[in-house]
C-alpha cells in the first residue's frame, strides 16, 4: 500500500468495533420463537437484521418497528417489553483496549475522532444509559438514525469526509463489515477491517509505517 499523507482523522464504527455484540440471547428469546426458525438460526437472523435498516434510518417509531418485526417473524405472543429487552441484549461489552487507544489519540490533540454508525434510536438510548461512558471522546457522532443515511451508501462516507475536514487519504476508517470498508475505499479513505486489536495495529502500520501518536 502506498504511503499516505499525515493522518488527521480517525473514524470508527460502533457495533462489533467499539462495543461487543452478542446475538445469542436475541436468537433464544425472539428468533427461535418464530415458526420460520429452523436449525440454521443465523440465516433467519441475517434475513431479519436486514429488516432493521429502516429503523436505523430513523424512519420508524419503536411501535412501528416492533409491529413490523412481529409481522416479519410471525410472532403472536411476544410482548413489546420482552421484544425490546431481547433486542437491546445484543449490546454486550465494551472494547476497552480500543477505547483506551482512542483516548491516547485524543489526548495528543492531533487528530479528529469521529464515530460513524448504523444504529437505531433504541440501541443508542439503551447504550448511552447503561453501557457507554466513552462517547465524550468523539468530536462528532454521525448516527444513521439522525442523519438518515446508512452504510454502505457512499453519501454517508462523503458526509463523514466533510465532517472530518480533511482529505480522504488523511483518514483512517475502521469497520467490521467488508461492504462498508469497500465503499469507503472507493472514495479514497484508508480503511481497516476490524477483527481484533493486534491485527488492527498491524494494519494501521501497513497503511502508515511511520505512524506515531
N, C-alpha and C. Protein backbone atom coordinates (compact mmCIF):
# COMPACT_ATOMS: atom_id res chain seq x y z
N UNK A 1 0.84 -1.21 0.00
CA UNK A 1 0.00 0.00 0.00
C UNK A 1 0.88 1.25 0.00
N UNK A 2 0.50 2.25 -0.76
CA UNK A 2 1.29 3.45 -0.88
C UNK A 2 1.26 4.26 0.42
N UNK A 3 2.36 4.97 0.65
CA UNK A 3 2.43 5.84 1.81
C UNK A 3 1.37 6.94 1.71
N UNK A 4 0.69 7.21 2.80
CA UNK A 4 -0.35 8.22 2.80
C UNK A 4 0.19 9.53 3.36
N UNK A 5 -0.59 10.57 3.23
CA UNK A 5 -0.27 11.83 3.86
C UNK A 5 -0.44 11.68 5.36
N UNK A 6 -0.04 12.66 6.11
CA UNK A 6 -0.17 12.60 7.56
C UNK A 6 -1.62 12.38 7.95
N UNK A 7 -1.83 11.46 8.87
CA UNK A 7 -3.19 11.16 9.33
C UNK A 7 -3.72 12.33 10.15
N UNK A 8 -4.94 12.74 9.83
CA UNK A 8 -5.57 13.86 10.54
C UNK A 8 -6.86 13.46 11.24
N UNK A 9 -7.44 12.32 10.83
CA UNK A 9 -8.73 11.93 11.41
C UNK A 9 -8.85 10.41 11.50
N UNK A 10 -9.52 9.97 12.54
CA UNK A 10 -9.87 8.57 12.70
C UNK A 10 -11.40 8.47 12.78
N UNK A 11 -11.97 7.58 11.99
CA UNK A 11 -13.41 7.35 12.02
C UNK A 11 -13.64 5.89 12.43
N UNK A 12 -14.49 5.69 13.43
CA UNK A 12 -14.73 4.36 13.96
C UNK A 12 -16.21 3.98 13.87
N UNK A 13 -16.44 2.75 13.45
CA UNK A 13 -17.76 2.15 13.57
C UNK A 13 -18.03 1.87 15.05
N UNK A 14 -19.29 1.62 15.38
CA UNK A 14 -19.67 1.36 16.77
C UNK A 14 -19.80 -0.15 17.05
N UNK A 15 -20.81 -0.79 16.47
CA UNK A 15 -21.08 -2.19 16.76
C UNK A 15 -20.01 -3.12 16.26
N UNK A 16 -19.55 -4.03 17.11
CA UNK A 16 -18.51 -5.02 16.81
C UNK A 16 -17.15 -4.38 16.58
N UNK A 17 -17.02 -3.11 16.89
CA UNK A 17 -15.73 -2.42 16.87
C UNK A 17 -15.51 -1.78 18.24
N UNK A 18 -16.27 -0.73 18.54
CA UNK A 18 -16.15 -0.08 19.83
C UNK A 18 -16.90 -0.83 20.93
N UNK A 19 -18.00 -1.46 20.55
CA UNK A 19 -18.75 -2.26 21.51
C UNK A 19 -18.89 -3.68 20.99
N UNK A 20 -18.99 -4.62 21.91
CA UNK A 20 -19.14 -6.02 21.56
C UNK A 20 -20.61 -6.35 21.41
N UNK A 21 -20.89 -7.27 20.50
CA UNK A 21 -22.27 -7.69 20.23
C UNK A 21 -22.41 -9.18 20.50
N UNK A 22 -23.55 -9.56 21.07
CA UNK A 22 -23.85 -10.96 21.32
C UNK A 22 -25.31 -11.20 20.93
N UNK A 23 -25.52 -11.91 19.85
CA UNK A 23 -26.86 -12.13 19.32
C UNK A 23 -27.55 -13.35 19.93
N UNK A 24 -26.84 -14.13 20.72
CA UNK A 24 -27.41 -15.38 21.21
C UNK A 24 -28.66 -15.19 22.07
N UNK A 25 -28.73 -14.20 22.97
CA UNK A 25 -29.98 -14.01 23.74
C UNK A 25 -31.15 -13.62 22.84
N UNK A 26 -30.88 -12.82 21.81
CA UNK A 26 -31.95 -12.42 20.90
C UNK A 26 -32.43 -13.62 20.08
N UNK A 27 -31.51 -14.47 19.67
CA UNK A 27 -31.89 -15.69 18.95
C UNK A 27 -32.75 -16.58 19.85
N UNK A 28 -32.31 -16.75 21.08
CA UNK A 28 -33.01 -17.63 22.01
C UNK A 28 -34.42 -17.11 22.34
N UNK A 29 -34.52 -15.82 22.61
CA UNK A 29 -35.78 -15.27 23.12
C UNK A 29 -36.74 -14.76 22.04
N UNK A 30 -36.22 -14.48 20.86
CA UNK A 30 -37.07 -13.93 19.79
C UNK A 30 -37.02 -14.78 18.53
N UNK A 31 -35.86 -14.90 17.94
CA UNK A 31 -35.74 -15.59 16.64
C UNK A 31 -36.25 -17.03 16.73
N UNK A 32 -35.88 -17.72 17.77
CA UNK A 32 -36.27 -19.13 17.90
C UNK A 32 -37.77 -19.32 18.13
N UNK A 33 -38.45 -18.24 18.47
CA UNK A 33 -39.90 -18.32 18.69
C UNK A 33 -40.69 -18.21 17.39
N UNK A 34 -40.00 -17.86 16.33
CA UNK A 34 -40.66 -17.71 15.03
C UNK A 34 -40.94 -19.08 14.41
N UNK A 35 -42.10 -19.25 13.78
CA UNK A 35 -42.37 -20.51 13.07
C UNK A 35 -41.45 -20.72 11.87
N UNK A 36 -40.74 -19.65 11.47
CA UNK A 36 -39.79 -19.76 10.37
C UNK A 36 -38.42 -20.27 10.84
N UNK A 37 -38.27 -20.37 12.15
CA UNK A 37 -36.99 -20.79 12.71
C UNK A 37 -36.70 -22.25 12.39
N UNK A 38 -35.49 -22.48 11.93
CA UNK A 38 -35.02 -23.84 11.68
C UNK A 38 -33.70 -24.02 12.41
N UNK A 39 -33.01 -25.09 12.14
CA UNK A 39 -31.75 -25.34 12.84
C UNK A 39 -30.72 -24.27 12.52
N UNK A 40 -30.81 -23.67 11.33
CA UNK A 40 -29.87 -22.63 10.94
C UNK A 40 -30.39 -21.26 11.37
N UNK A 41 -30.15 -20.93 12.63
CA UNK A 41 -30.67 -19.66 13.17
C UNK A 41 -30.00 -18.46 12.54
N UNK A 42 -28.76 -18.61 12.09
CA UNK A 42 -28.02 -17.50 11.52
C UNK A 42 -28.70 -16.96 10.26
N UNK A 43 -29.26 -17.86 9.46
CA UNK A 43 -29.91 -17.43 8.22
C UNK A 43 -31.12 -16.56 8.51
N UNK A 44 -31.97 -16.98 9.43
CA UNK A 44 -33.15 -16.19 9.76
C UNK A 44 -32.75 -14.88 10.43
N UNK A 45 -31.75 -14.94 11.30
CA UNK A 45 -31.27 -13.72 11.95
C UNK A 45 -30.77 -12.72 10.90
N UNK A 46 -30.01 -13.21 9.93
CA UNK A 46 -29.47 -12.34 8.89
C UNK A 46 -30.60 -11.72 8.07
N UNK A 47 -31.60 -12.53 7.72
CA UNK A 47 -32.74 -12.01 6.96
C UNK A 47 -33.49 -10.96 7.77
N UNK A 48 -33.67 -11.25 9.05
CA UNK A 48 -34.39 -10.31 9.90
C UNK A 48 -33.59 -9.01 10.05
N UNK A 49 -32.28 -9.12 10.26
CA UNK A 49 -31.48 -7.92 10.55
C UNK A 49 -31.48 -6.94 9.39
N UNK A 50 -31.65 -7.45 8.18
CA UNK A 50 -31.77 -6.55 7.03
C UNK A 50 -33.04 -5.71 7.14
N UNK A 51 -34.02 -6.24 7.86
CA UNK A 51 -35.28 -5.51 8.03
C UNK A 51 -35.14 -4.34 8.99
N UNK A 52 -34.02 -4.28 9.71
CA UNK A 52 -33.84 -3.18 10.67
C UNK A 52 -33.33 -1.91 10.01
N UNK A 53 -33.03 -1.96 8.70
CA UNK A 53 -32.41 -0.80 8.05
C UNK A 53 -33.28 0.45 8.10
N UNK A 54 -34.59 0.29 7.98
CA UNK A 54 -35.48 1.46 8.06
C UNK A 54 -35.47 2.06 9.46
N UNK A 55 -35.33 1.20 10.46
CA UNK A 55 -35.23 1.68 11.85
C UNK A 55 -33.91 2.42 12.03
N UNK A 56 -32.83 1.89 11.46
CA UNK A 56 -31.54 2.57 11.52
C UNK A 56 -31.58 3.92 10.83
N UNK A 57 -32.40 4.03 9.79
CA UNK A 57 -32.51 5.29 9.05
C UNK A 57 -33.32 6.34 9.80
N UNK A 58 -34.00 5.93 10.85
CA UNK A 58 -34.80 6.87 11.62
C UNK A 58 -36.18 7.12 11.05
N UNK A 59 -36.65 6.21 10.21
CA UNK A 59 -37.94 6.40 9.55
C UNK A 59 -39.06 5.57 10.19
N UNK A 60 -38.77 4.89 11.30
CA UNK A 60 -39.77 4.09 12.00
C UNK A 60 -39.79 4.47 13.47
N UNK A 61 -40.96 4.48 14.06
CA UNK A 61 -41.06 4.62 15.51
C UNK A 61 -40.79 3.26 16.15
N UNK A 62 -40.60 3.24 17.46
CA UNK A 62 -40.41 1.96 18.16
C UNK A 62 -41.63 1.07 17.98
N UNK A 63 -42.80 1.66 18.07
CA UNK A 63 -44.03 0.87 17.92
C UNK A 63 -44.10 0.26 16.53
N UNK A 64 -43.80 1.06 15.51
CA UNK A 64 -43.83 0.56 14.14
C UNK A 64 -42.80 -0.54 13.93
N UNK A 65 -41.64 -0.36 14.51
CA UNK A 65 -40.59 -1.37 14.35
C UNK A 65 -40.97 -2.67 15.05
N UNK A 66 -41.53 -2.57 16.24
CA UNK A 66 -41.99 -3.75 16.97
C UNK A 66 -43.05 -4.50 16.15
N UNK A 67 -44.02 -3.78 15.64
CA UNK A 67 -45.09 -4.41 14.86
C UNK A 67 -44.54 -5.02 13.57
N UNK A 68 -43.63 -4.32 12.92
CA UNK A 68 -43.02 -4.84 11.69
C UNK A 68 -42.23 -6.11 11.99
N UNK A 69 -41.50 -6.11 13.09
CA UNK A 69 -40.70 -7.28 13.47
C UNK A 69 -41.59 -8.48 13.75
N UNK A 70 -42.67 -8.25 14.47
CA UNK A 70 -43.60 -9.34 14.77
C UNK A 70 -44.23 -9.89 13.49
N UNK A 71 -44.56 -9.00 12.57
CA UNK A 71 -45.12 -9.44 11.29
C UNK A 71 -44.10 -10.24 10.50
N UNK A 72 -42.88 -9.75 10.44
CA UNK A 72 -41.85 -10.40 9.64
C UNK A 72 -41.54 -11.80 10.18
N UNK A 73 -41.47 -11.92 11.50
CA UNK A 73 -41.14 -13.19 12.13
C UNK A 73 -42.36 -14.03 12.47
N UNK A 74 -43.54 -13.46 12.20
CA UNK A 74 -44.80 -14.14 12.51
C UNK A 74 -44.90 -14.51 14.00
N UNK A 75 -44.62 -13.52 14.83
CA UNK A 75 -44.69 -13.69 16.27
C UNK A 75 -46.02 -13.16 16.78
N UNK A 76 -46.71 -13.94 17.55
CA UNK A 76 -48.03 -13.53 18.04
C UNK A 76 -48.11 -13.41 19.55
N UNK A 77 -47.09 -13.86 20.25
CA UNK A 77 -47.18 -13.88 21.72
C UNK A 77 -45.97 -13.25 22.39
N UNK A 78 -45.30 -12.33 21.69
CA UNK A 78 -44.15 -11.64 22.27
C UNK A 78 -44.56 -10.21 22.59
N UNK A 79 -44.51 -9.86 23.86
CA UNK A 79 -44.88 -8.50 24.25
C UNK A 79 -43.84 -7.51 23.77
N UNK A 80 -44.24 -6.27 23.69
CA UNK A 80 -43.31 -5.21 23.26
C UNK A 80 -42.14 -5.11 24.24
N UNK A 81 -42.42 -5.23 25.54
CA UNK A 81 -41.36 -5.15 26.54
C UNK A 81 -40.36 -6.30 26.37
N UNK A 82 -40.86 -7.51 26.21
CA UNK A 82 -39.97 -8.66 26.04
C UNK A 82 -39.15 -8.52 24.76
N UNK A 83 -39.79 -8.04 23.70
CA UNK A 83 -39.08 -7.89 22.43
C UNK A 83 -37.91 -6.92 22.58
N UNK A 84 -38.16 -5.75 23.14
CA UNK A 84 -37.10 -4.75 23.21
C UNK A 84 -36.03 -5.11 24.24
N UNK A 85 -36.41 -5.82 25.29
CA UNK A 85 -35.39 -6.31 26.22
C UNK A 85 -34.41 -7.24 25.50
N UNK A 86 -34.96 -8.12 24.67
CA UNK A 86 -34.12 -9.04 23.90
C UNK A 86 -33.35 -8.30 22.81
N UNK A 87 -34.01 -7.35 22.17
CA UNK A 87 -33.38 -6.58 21.10
C UNK A 87 -32.17 -5.82 21.63
N UNK A 88 -32.31 -5.23 22.81
CA UNK A 88 -31.21 -4.47 23.40
C UNK A 88 -30.12 -5.38 23.96
N UNK A 89 -30.45 -6.63 24.22
CA UNK A 89 -29.48 -7.54 24.82
C UNK A 89 -28.34 -7.88 23.87
N UNK A 90 -28.46 -7.55 22.58
CA UNK A 90 -27.35 -7.82 21.65
C UNK A 90 -26.14 -6.94 22.00
N UNK A 91 -26.38 -5.83 22.69
CA UNK A 91 -25.28 -4.96 23.12
C UNK A 91 -24.70 -5.56 24.40
N UNK A 92 -23.47 -6.03 24.31
CA UNK A 92 -22.88 -6.67 25.48
C UNK A 92 -21.77 -5.80 26.07
N UNK A 93 -20.51 -6.13 25.81
CA UNK A 93 -19.42 -5.39 26.45
C UNK A 93 -18.88 -4.23 25.63
N UNK A 94 -17.83 -3.63 26.15
CA UNK A 94 -17.13 -2.52 25.51
C UNK A 94 -15.72 -2.98 25.17
N UNK A 95 -15.23 -2.58 24.01
CA UNK A 95 -13.87 -2.90 23.59
C UNK A 95 -12.91 -1.94 24.29
N UNK A 96 -12.58 -2.27 25.53
CA UNK A 96 -11.80 -1.37 26.36
C UNK A 96 -10.40 -1.11 25.79
N UNK A 97 -9.82 -2.11 25.16
CA UNK A 97 -8.48 -1.96 24.60
C UNK A 97 -8.47 -0.90 23.50
N UNK A 98 -9.45 -0.97 22.61
CA UNK A 98 -9.53 0.03 21.54
C UNK A 98 -9.91 1.39 22.10
N UNK A 99 -10.83 1.43 23.04
CA UNK A 99 -11.23 2.70 23.65
C UNK A 99 -10.02 3.37 24.30
N UNK A 100 -9.20 2.61 25.00
CA UNK A 100 -8.01 3.18 25.64
C UNK A 100 -7.05 3.76 24.59
N UNK A 101 -6.93 3.07 23.46
CA UNK A 101 -6.06 3.56 22.38
C UNK A 101 -6.61 4.88 21.82
N UNK A 102 -7.92 4.93 21.64
CA UNK A 102 -8.54 6.16 21.11
C UNK A 102 -8.36 7.32 22.08
N UNK A 103 -8.43 7.04 23.37
CA UNK A 103 -8.22 8.08 24.37
C UNK A 103 -6.82 8.68 24.25
N UNK A 104 -5.84 7.82 23.96
CA UNK A 104 -4.48 8.30 23.77
C UNK A 104 -4.36 9.15 22.51
N UNK A 105 -5.06 8.71 21.44
CA UNK A 105 -5.09 9.53 20.23
C UNK A 105 -5.69 10.90 20.50
N UNK A 106 -6.78 10.90 21.23
CA UNK A 106 -7.48 12.15 21.56
C UNK A 106 -6.60 13.08 22.39
N UNK A 107 -5.86 12.51 23.32
CA UNK A 107 -5.05 13.30 24.23
C UNK A 107 -3.97 14.08 23.51
N UNK A 108 -3.50 13.58 22.37
CA UNK A 108 -2.45 14.28 21.62
C UNK A 108 -2.94 15.59 21.02
N UNK A 109 -4.23 15.67 20.76
CA UNK A 109 -4.78 16.85 20.11
C UNK A 109 -4.48 16.94 18.63
N UNK A 110 -3.90 15.88 18.06
CA UNK A 110 -3.50 15.89 16.66
C UNK A 110 -4.60 15.45 15.70
N UNK A 111 -5.56 14.70 16.22
CA UNK A 111 -6.50 14.01 15.34
C UNK A 111 -7.95 14.35 15.66
N UNK A 112 -8.76 14.39 14.61
CA UNK A 112 -10.20 14.46 14.81
C UNK A 112 -10.70 13.03 14.97
N UNK A 113 -11.54 12.81 15.97
CA UNK A 113 -12.04 11.48 16.27
C UNK A 113 -13.55 11.46 16.04
N UNK A 114 -13.99 10.59 15.13
CA UNK A 114 -15.39 10.58 14.69
C UNK A 114 -15.96 9.17 14.82
N UNK A 115 -17.21 9.08 15.22
CA UNK A 115 -17.94 7.82 15.18
C UNK A 115 -18.91 7.85 14.01
N UNK A 116 -18.96 6.76 13.25
CA UNK A 116 -19.88 6.64 12.12
C UNK A 116 -20.60 5.30 12.25
N UNK A 117 -21.89 5.35 12.59
CA UNK A 117 -22.57 4.11 12.95
C UNK A 117 -23.95 4.00 12.32
N UNK A 118 -24.24 2.78 11.81
CA UNK A 118 -25.62 2.40 11.53
C UNK A 118 -26.23 1.96 12.85
N UNK A 119 -27.05 2.80 13.42
CA UNK A 119 -27.60 2.50 14.74
C UNK A 119 -29.01 3.06 14.83
N UNK A 120 -29.87 2.34 15.53
CA UNK A 120 -31.25 2.79 15.71
C UNK A 120 -31.38 3.52 17.05
N UNK A 121 -32.45 4.32 17.21
CA UNK A 121 -32.58 5.11 18.43
C UNK A 121 -32.74 4.27 19.69
N UNK A 122 -33.31 3.08 19.59
CA UNK A 122 -33.48 2.23 20.77
C UNK A 122 -32.14 1.75 21.30
N UNK A 123 -31.30 1.23 20.41
CA UNK A 123 -29.97 0.78 20.83
C UNK A 123 -29.14 1.95 21.33
N UNK A 124 -29.27 3.10 20.68
CA UNK A 124 -28.49 4.27 21.08
C UNK A 124 -28.87 4.72 22.49
N UNK A 125 -30.15 4.84 22.76
CA UNK A 125 -30.60 5.27 24.08
C UNK A 125 -30.22 4.26 25.15
N UNK A 126 -30.36 2.98 24.83
CA UNK A 126 -30.00 1.93 25.78
C UNK A 126 -28.51 1.97 26.08
N UNK A 127 -27.70 2.07 25.04
CA UNK A 127 -26.26 2.10 25.23
C UNK A 127 -25.80 3.30 26.04
N UNK A 128 -26.35 4.46 25.73
CA UNK A 128 -25.97 5.67 26.46
C UNK A 128 -26.34 5.56 27.93
N UNK A 129 -27.48 4.97 28.21
CA UNK A 129 -27.99 4.93 29.58
C UNK A 129 -27.29 3.89 30.44
N UNK A 130 -26.99 2.73 29.84
CA UNK A 130 -26.49 1.61 30.63
C UNK A 130 -25.04 1.24 30.39
N UNK A 131 -24.48 1.56 29.25
CA UNK A 131 -23.22 0.93 28.88
C UNK A 131 -22.08 1.89 28.56
N UNK A 132 -22.36 2.93 27.80
CA UNK A 132 -21.29 3.64 27.11
C UNK A 132 -20.86 4.90 27.84
N UNK A 133 -19.67 4.85 28.41
CA UNK A 133 -19.12 6.00 29.12
C UNK A 133 -17.95 6.61 28.38
N UNK A 134 -17.90 6.36 27.05
CA UNK A 134 -16.76 6.81 26.25
C UNK A 134 -17.16 7.80 25.16
N UNK A 135 -18.40 8.17 25.08
CA UNK A 135 -18.87 8.99 23.96
C UNK A 135 -18.24 10.38 23.94
N UNK A 136 -17.80 10.85 25.11
CA UNK A 136 -17.18 12.17 25.18
C UNK A 136 -15.86 12.25 24.42
N UNK A 137 -15.28 11.10 24.10
CA UNK A 137 -14.01 11.08 23.37
C UNK A 137 -14.18 11.64 21.96
N UNK A 138 -15.35 11.47 21.39
CA UNK A 138 -15.55 11.75 19.97
C UNK A 138 -15.90 13.21 19.71
N UNK A 139 -15.26 13.73 18.67
CA UNK A 139 -15.55 15.11 18.26
C UNK A 139 -16.90 15.20 17.56
N UNK A 140 -17.26 14.14 16.83
CA UNK A 140 -18.54 14.11 16.12
C UNK A 140 -19.11 12.70 16.18
N UNK A 141 -20.43 12.62 16.34
CA UNK A 141 -21.15 11.35 16.34
C UNK A 141 -22.08 11.36 15.14
N UNK A 142 -21.74 10.58 14.12
CA UNK A 142 -22.55 10.51 12.91
C UNK A 142 -23.40 9.25 13.01
N UNK A 143 -24.65 9.42 13.37
CA UNK A 143 -25.56 8.31 13.67
C UNK A 143 -26.61 8.22 12.58
N UNK A 144 -26.77 7.04 12.03
CA UNK A 144 -27.63 6.86 10.86
C UNK A 144 -29.05 7.35 11.11
N UNK A 145 -29.60 7.09 12.29
CA UNK A 145 -30.99 7.46 12.52
C UNK A 145 -31.18 8.97 12.65
N UNK A 146 -30.08 9.70 12.85
CA UNK A 146 -30.16 11.16 12.92
C UNK A 146 -29.87 11.83 11.58
N UNK A 147 -28.97 11.23 10.80
CA UNK A 147 -28.62 11.85 9.51
C UNK A 147 -29.34 11.18 8.35
N UNK A 148 -30.12 10.13 8.65
CA UNK A 148 -30.99 9.46 7.66
C UNK A 148 -30.20 8.92 6.46
N UNK A 149 -29.06 8.36 6.76
CA UNK A 149 -28.25 7.65 5.77
C UNK A 149 -27.62 6.45 6.46
N UNK A 150 -27.44 5.36 5.70
CA UNK A 150 -26.81 4.18 6.28
C UNK A 150 -25.66 3.71 5.39
N UNK A 151 -24.67 3.11 6.02
CA UNK A 151 -23.60 2.43 5.29
C UNK A 151 -24.18 1.18 4.63
N UNK A 152 -23.70 0.81 3.45
CA UNK A 152 -22.54 1.34 2.73
C UNK A 152 -22.84 2.41 1.69
N UNK A 153 -23.94 3.13 1.82
CA UNK A 153 -24.26 4.22 0.90
C UNK A 153 -23.09 5.20 0.85
N UNK A 154 -22.60 5.50 -0.33
CA UNK A 154 -21.45 6.40 -0.46
C UNK A 154 -21.73 7.79 0.10
N UNK A 155 -22.98 8.19 0.12
CA UNK A 155 -23.31 9.52 0.62
C UNK A 155 -22.91 9.70 2.08
N UNK A 156 -23.04 8.64 2.87
CA UNK A 156 -22.72 8.78 4.29
C UNK A 156 -21.21 8.92 4.49
N UNK A 157 -20.44 8.28 3.62
CA UNK A 157 -18.99 8.43 3.70
C UNK A 157 -18.53 9.79 3.21
N UNK A 158 -19.22 10.32 2.20
CA UNK A 158 -18.91 11.68 1.74
C UNK A 158 -19.21 12.68 2.86
N UNK A 159 -20.28 12.43 3.58
CA UNK A 159 -20.63 13.29 4.71
C UNK A 159 -19.56 13.19 5.79
N UNK A 160 -19.08 11.98 6.05
CA UNK A 160 -18.05 11.78 7.06
C UNK A 160 -16.75 12.48 6.68
N UNK A 161 -16.42 12.46 5.40
CA UNK A 161 -15.22 13.18 4.93
C UNK A 161 -15.37 14.68 5.18
N UNK A 162 -16.54 15.19 4.88
CA UNK A 162 -16.80 16.62 5.09
C UNK A 162 -16.67 16.99 6.56
N UNK A 163 -17.24 16.17 7.43
CA UNK A 163 -17.19 16.43 8.86
C UNK A 163 -15.75 16.33 9.38
N UNK A 164 -15.00 15.41 8.81
CA UNK A 164 -13.60 15.23 9.23
C UNK A 164 -12.72 16.40 8.83
N UNK A 165 -13.15 17.17 7.85
CA UNK A 165 -12.47 18.40 7.40
C UNK A 165 -11.04 18.12 6.95
N UNK A 166 -10.87 17.02 6.21
CA UNK A 166 -9.56 16.72 5.64
C UNK A 166 -9.74 15.85 4.40
N UNK A 167 -8.64 15.52 3.75
CA UNK A 167 -8.71 14.70 2.55
C UNK A 167 -8.97 13.24 2.92
N UNK A 168 -9.64 12.47 2.03
CA UNK A 168 -9.89 11.05 2.33
C UNK A 168 -8.63 10.28 2.69
N UNK A 169 -7.50 10.57 2.02
CA UNK A 169 -6.27 9.83 2.29
C UNK A 169 -5.63 10.22 3.61
N UNK A 170 -6.20 11.22 4.29
CA UNK A 170 -5.73 11.61 5.63
C UNK A 170 -6.59 11.01 6.73
N UNK A 171 -7.49 10.11 6.34
CA UNK A 171 -8.43 9.49 7.27
C UNK A 171 -8.13 8.00 7.42
N UNK A 172 -8.24 7.50 8.64
CA UNK A 172 -8.24 6.06 8.90
C UNK A 172 -9.65 5.68 9.35
N UNK A 173 -10.29 4.82 8.58
CA UNK A 173 -11.65 4.38 8.90
C UNK A 173 -11.62 2.92 9.33
N UNK A 174 -12.34 2.59 10.39
CA UNK A 174 -12.38 1.23 10.93
C UNK A 174 -13.80 0.73 11.02
N UNK A 175 -14.04 -0.47 10.47
CA UNK A 175 -15.38 -1.07 10.47
C UNK A 175 -15.20 -2.59 10.48
N UNK A 176 -16.23 -3.30 10.92
CA UNK A 176 -16.16 -4.76 10.95
C UNK A 176 -16.81 -5.42 9.74
N UNK A 177 -17.42 -4.62 8.87
CA UNK A 177 -18.14 -5.18 7.73
C UNK A 177 -17.42 -4.85 6.42
N UNK A 178 -17.19 -5.91 5.64
CA UNK A 178 -16.42 -5.76 4.41
C UNK A 178 -17.07 -4.79 3.44
N UNK A 179 -18.40 -4.84 3.29
CA UNK A 179 -19.07 -3.96 2.33
C UNK A 179 -18.88 -2.48 2.67
N UNK A 180 -18.77 -2.17 3.97
CA UNK A 180 -18.54 -0.78 4.37
C UNK A 180 -17.11 -0.36 4.10
N UNK A 181 -16.19 -1.26 4.33
CA UNK A 181 -14.78 -0.99 4.05
C UNK A 181 -14.58 -0.72 2.56
N UNK A 182 -15.17 -1.56 1.72
CA UNK A 182 -15.02 -1.40 0.26
C UNK A 182 -15.63 -0.09 -0.22
N UNK A 183 -16.78 0.29 0.35
CA UNK A 183 -17.42 1.55 -0.03
C UNK A 183 -16.53 2.73 0.33
N UNK A 184 -15.97 2.72 1.53
CA UNK A 184 -15.10 3.82 1.96
C UNK A 184 -13.86 3.91 1.08
N UNK A 185 -13.31 2.77 0.72
CA UNK A 185 -12.12 2.76 -0.13
C UNK A 185 -12.39 3.34 -1.51
N UNK A 186 -13.63 3.20 -2.00
CA UNK A 186 -13.97 3.78 -3.29
C UNK A 186 -13.76 5.29 -3.30
N UNK A 187 -13.88 5.90 -2.14
CA UNK A 187 -13.72 7.35 -2.02
C UNK A 187 -12.30 7.73 -1.61
N UNK A 188 -11.41 6.76 -1.54
CA UNK A 188 -10.02 7.05 -1.20
C UNK A 188 -9.71 7.07 0.27
N UNK A 189 -10.65 6.61 1.11
CA UNK A 189 -10.42 6.57 2.55
C UNK A 189 -9.61 5.33 2.90
N UNK A 190 -8.56 5.50 3.69
CA UNK A 190 -7.79 4.36 4.18
C UNK A 190 -8.63 3.60 5.20
N UNK A 191 -8.92 2.34 4.92
CA UNK A 191 -9.91 1.62 5.72
C UNK A 191 -9.36 0.30 6.23
N UNK A 192 -9.70 -0.01 7.48
CA UNK A 192 -9.22 -1.23 8.14
C UNK A 192 -10.43 -2.06 8.55
N UNK A 193 -10.43 -3.32 8.14
CA UNK A 193 -11.47 -4.26 8.56
C UNK A 193 -11.10 -4.78 9.94
N UNK A 194 -11.93 -4.48 10.92
CA UNK A 194 -11.59 -4.80 12.31
C UNK A 194 -12.00 -6.22 12.68
N UNK A 195 -11.06 -6.95 13.28
CA UNK A 195 -11.35 -8.26 13.85
C UNK A 195 -10.83 -8.36 15.29
N UNK A 196 -9.64 -7.82 15.52
CA UNK A 196 -9.10 -7.77 16.88
C UNK A 196 -8.06 -6.65 16.93
N UNK A 197 -7.67 -6.32 18.15
CA UNK A 197 -6.81 -5.15 18.35
C UNK A 197 -5.42 -5.35 17.77
N UNK A 198 -4.84 -6.51 17.94
CA UNK A 198 -3.49 -6.75 17.43
C UNK A 198 -3.43 -6.60 15.91
N UNK A 199 -4.41 -7.16 15.24
CA UNK A 199 -4.44 -7.05 13.78
C UNK A 199 -4.68 -5.61 13.36
N UNK A 200 -5.51 -4.90 14.11
CA UNK A 200 -5.79 -3.50 13.77
C UNK A 200 -4.51 -2.66 13.82
N UNK A 201 -3.70 -2.88 14.86
CA UNK A 201 -2.43 -2.16 14.97
C UNK A 201 -1.51 -2.49 13.80
N UNK A 202 -1.44 -3.77 13.44
CA UNK A 202 -0.61 -4.19 12.30
C UNK A 202 -1.10 -3.55 11.01
N UNK A 203 -2.42 -3.53 10.81
CA UNK A 203 -2.98 -2.94 9.59
C UNK A 203 -2.74 -1.43 9.53
N UNK A 204 -2.79 -0.79 10.70
CA UNK A 204 -2.50 0.64 10.75
C UNK A 204 -1.05 0.91 10.34
N UNK A 205 -0.15 0.06 10.78
CA UNK A 205 1.26 0.21 10.42
C UNK A 205 1.49 -0.07 8.94
N UNK A 206 0.69 -0.97 8.36
CA UNK A 206 0.80 -1.23 6.93
C UNK A 206 0.41 0.02 6.14
N UNK A 207 -0.63 0.69 6.59
CA UNK A 207 -1.07 1.91 5.92
C UNK A 207 -0.05 3.03 6.09
N UNK A 208 0.45 3.18 7.30
CA UNK A 208 1.44 4.23 7.58
C UNK A 208 2.48 3.68 8.55
N UNK A 209 3.57 3.24 8.00
CA UNK A 209 4.62 2.60 8.81
C UNK A 209 5.26 3.58 9.80
N UNK A 210 5.12 4.85 9.53
CA UNK A 210 5.73 5.86 10.40
C UNK A 210 4.75 6.46 11.40
N UNK A 211 3.56 5.86 11.49
CA UNK A 211 2.55 6.47 12.36
C UNK A 211 2.97 6.46 13.81
N UNK A 212 2.80 7.62 14.45
CA UNK A 212 3.01 7.75 15.89
C UNK A 212 1.94 8.67 16.44
N UNK A 213 1.55 8.42 17.68
CA UNK A 213 0.61 9.36 18.31
C UNK A 213 1.26 9.98 19.54
